[in-house]
C-alpha cells in the first residue's frame, strides 16, 4: 500500500522543525512519563529521574513538543512537587511514591522559556529549544484552563474564554 503525503521544501521543513514559542505560560498535556536513571556527571553518581514528554499549544493552537527531566535530587525537588501539584497529583507526591503512569493524559500549565543551543561534545551545538522553567500551581492545586482548548487539550477556535484561571474544567 502506498503512503501519501504532502512534500515540503527544505526551507519549510527547517522552519517547522525549529518552531519555538515565546517565553510565557502555556497549557500542556502529559503524553508519556519514563522512570530512568540520570546520566552520571564526572565525580557524581546517577540519580533516579522522570523524563516527561509534553505537548504544549501556542496561541494559534499549534502543537509544540517539549521534554522535561525531573531528577530525584534535593535541589530539584521543587520542580517535581510543582509538576505533581499542577496536574492534580500532589497527594501522590506527598505520599513519597509516584507512579509515572498516573500522570499520563493529565493537563496543566507550564512556564516555558527559550534556551540557547548547548555545545556538543564533538563540536558544533544543539539547536535552540523550549524548556520548562516551572509548573504553574494554584492554591487549589491543579491549574485549570479553558482558553480555546477542547476536552482533548487541543486548540478549539470556537471557544472564546481567554482566562487561564477559570474554575470551569473543560475535561
Protein backbone atom coordinates (compact mmCIF):
# COMPACT_ATOMS: atom_id res chain seq x y z
CA UNK A 1 0.00 0.00 0.00
CA UNK A 2 1.29 3.45 -0.93
CA UNK A 3 1.93 6.13 1.69
CA UNK A 4 0.60 9.53 0.55
CA UNK A 5 1.86 12.85 1.93
CA UNK A 6 2.41 16.48 1.04
CA UNK A 7 6.09 17.10 0.22
CA UNK A 8 7.72 20.15 1.83
CA UNK A 9 10.72 22.16 0.68
CA UNK A 10 13.90 22.11 2.79
CA UNK A 11 13.11 25.66 3.95
CA UNK A 12 9.60 24.64 5.08
CA UNK A 13 10.91 21.55 6.88
CA UNK A 14 13.56 23.52 8.78
CA UNK A 15 11.09 26.30 9.70
CA UNK A 16 8.66 23.76 11.17
CA UNK A 17 11.42 21.78 12.86
CA UNK A 18 12.75 24.78 14.75
CA UNK A 19 9.45 26.31 15.83
CA UNK A 20 9.85 27.84 19.28
CA UNK A 21 7.22 29.53 21.41
CA UNK A 22 7.94 32.83 23.14
CA UNK A 23 8.63 32.82 26.88
CA UNK A 24 5.38 32.53 28.84
CA UNK A 25 2.74 30.24 30.33
CA UNK A 26 1.30 27.52 28.08
CA UNK A 27 -1.19 24.70 28.59
CA UNK A 28 0.30 21.24 28.33
CA UNK A 29 -0.70 17.61 28.26
CA UNK A 30 1.49 14.82 29.63
CA UNK A 31 1.96 12.27 26.84
CA UNK A 32 4.44 9.94 28.50
CA UNK A 33 6.46 9.64 31.69
CA UNK A 34 9.54 7.43 31.80
CA UNK A 35 11.26 6.49 35.05
CA UNK A 36 15.01 6.11 34.47
CA UNK A 37 18.45 6.92 35.84
CA UNK A 38 20.15 10.21 35.02
CA UNK A 39 23.45 10.24 33.18
CA UNK A 40 26.26 10.43 35.78
CA UNK A 41 28.32 13.62 35.77
CA UNK A 42 32.08 13.49 36.43
CA UNK A 43 32.62 12.73 40.11
CA UNK A 44 28.90 12.25 40.80
CA UNK A 45 26.51 9.32 40.83
CA UNK A 46 23.45 8.99 38.65
CA UNK A 47 20.03 9.63 40.22
CA UNK A 48 16.56 8.28 39.60
CA UNK A 49 14.60 10.72 37.45
CA UNK A 50 11.42 11.18 35.46
CA UNK A 51 11.60 12.02 31.75
CA UNK A 52 8.44 13.90 30.72
CA UNK A 53 7.12 14.04 27.15
CA UNK A 54 4.77 17.03 26.94
CA UNK A 55 2.63 18.65 24.25
CA UNK A 56 2.15 22.43 24.50
CA UNK A 57 -0.24 24.56 22.48
CA UNK A 58 0.70 28.05 21.32
CA UNK A 59 -1.82 30.89 20.95
CA UNK A 60 -2.73 29.66 17.45
CA UNK A 61 -3.27 26.08 18.60
CA UNK A 62 -0.07 24.69 17.10
CA UNK A 63 1.36 21.72 18.96
CA UNK A 64 4.88 22.05 20.31
CA UNK A 65 6.65 19.03 21.84
CA UNK A 66 8.85 19.58 24.87
CA UNK A 67 10.81 17.20 27.07
CA UNK A 68 11.48 17.87 30.73
CA UNK A 69 13.58 15.98 33.24
CA UNK A 70 12.87 15.73 36.96
CA UNK A 71 15.90 14.24 38.73
CA UNK A 72 15.31 12.95 42.25
CA UNK A 73 17.69 15.36 43.96
CA UNK A 74 17.18 17.73 46.87
CA UNK A 75 17.92 20.82 44.77
CA UNK A 76 15.31 19.82 42.12
CA UNK A 77 12.58 18.60 44.50
CA UNK A 78 10.70 21.89 43.97
CA UNK A 79 10.14 21.12 40.29
CA UNK A 80 8.88 17.58 40.90
CA UNK A 81 6.47 18.90 43.56
CA UNK A 82 5.22 21.71 41.28
CA UNK A 83 4.72 19.28 38.38
CA UNK A 84 2.64 16.92 40.52
CA UNK A 85 0.60 19.77 42.03
CA UNK A 86 -0.03 21.34 38.62
CA UNK A 87 -1.63 18.15 37.28
CA UNK A 88 -3.58 17.30 40.43
CA UNK A 89 -1.28 14.62 41.86
CA UNK A 90 0.07 16.41 44.96
CA UNK A 91 -1.25 13.66 47.29
CA UNK A 92 0.72 11.08 45.35
CA UNK A 93 3.83 13.25 45.54
CA UNK A 94 3.44 13.78 49.27
CA UNK A 95 2.99 10.02 49.79
CA UNK A 96 6.58 9.58 48.54
CA UNK A 97 5.69 7.00 45.90
CA UNK A 98 4.85 8.34 42.45
CA UNK A 99 3.53 6.04 39.75
CA UNK A 100 4.54 7.61 36.39
CA UNK A 101 1.52 6.21 34.50
CA UNK A 102 -0.81 8.27 36.73
CA UNK A 103 0.48 11.48 35.10
CA UNK A 104 -0.10 10.37 31.51
CA UNK A 105 -3.03 12.22 29.93
CA UNK A 106 -3.11 14.90 32.67
CA UNK A 107 -3.20 18.60 31.81
CA UNK A 108 -1.61 21.66 33.40
CA UNK A 109 0.12 24.96 32.71
CA UNK A 110 3.90 25.33 32.36
CA UNK A 111 6.11 28.40 32.31
CA UNK A 112 8.19 27.97 29.17
CA UNK A 113 11.35 29.79 28.14
CA UNK A 114 13.68 29.60 25.18
CA UNK A 115 17.12 28.15 25.79
CA UNK A 116 20.07 28.76 23.51
CA UNK A 117 21.60 25.67 21.92
CA UNK A 118 24.26 23.99 24.06
CA UNK A 119 27.65 22.86 22.70
CA UNK A 120 28.06 19.23 21.65
CA UNK A 121 30.98 17.16 22.96
CA UNK A 122 32.43 16.55 19.50
CA UNK A 123 31.96 20.14 18.32
CA UNK A 124 29.05 22.14 16.99
CA UNK A 125 25.97 22.80 19.06
CA UNK A 126 22.43 21.63 19.57
CA UNK A 127 19.64 23.90 18.24
CA UNK A 128 17.79 26.37 20.45
CA UNK A 129 14.84 24.81 22.24
CA UNK A 130 11.94 25.48 24.58
CA UNK A 131 12.36 24.29 28.17
CA UNK A 132 10.06 24.13 31.18
CA UNK A 133 11.12 26.76 33.70
CA UNK A 134 8.45 25.74 36.24
CA UNK A 135 4.92 24.38 36.53
CA UNK A 136 2.02 26.65 37.49
CA UNK A 137 0.13 25.73 40.65
CA UNK A 138 -2.89 27.48 42.15
CA UNK A 139 -3.93 27.46 45.81
CA UNK A 140 -6.43 24.72 44.93
CA UNK A 141 -3.76 22.50 43.41
CA UNK A 142 -4.13 21.60 39.75
CA UNK A 143 -4.32 24.58 37.44
CA UNK A 144 -7.47 24.63 35.34
CA UNK A 145 -7.62 26.19 31.92
CA UNK A 146 -10.25 26.78 29.28
CA UNK A 147 -8.57 29.18 26.88
CA UNK A 148 -9.60 27.92 23.48
CA UNK A 149 -8.81 24.29 24.23
CA UNK A 150 -11.05 21.28 23.72
CA UNK A 151 -11.50 18.38 26.11
CA UNK A 152 -8.57 16.62 24.45
CA UNK A 153 -6.34 19.62 25.18
CA UNK A 154 -6.23 20.68 21.55
CA UNK A 155 -6.96 24.15 20.23
CA UNK A 156 -10.60 24.97 19.56
CA UNK A 157 -11.25 28.31 17.87
CA UNK A 158 -14.96 28.15 18.77
CA UNK A 159 -14.28 28.87 22.44
CA UNK A 160 -13.79 32.46 23.45
CA UNK A 161 -12.92 32.31 27.16
CA UNK A 162 -9.42 33.74 27.50
CA UNK A 163 -8.92 33.24 31.23
CA UNK A 164 -6.49 30.53 32.33
CA UNK A 165 -7.75 30.97 35.89
CA UNK A 166 -11.34 29.87 35.30
CA UNK A 167 -12.82 27.23 37.60
CA UNK A 168 -14.63 25.66 34.66
CA UNK A 169 -12.99 22.34 33.93
CA UNK A 170 -13.07 21.56 30.19
CA UNK A 171 -12.04 17.94 30.67
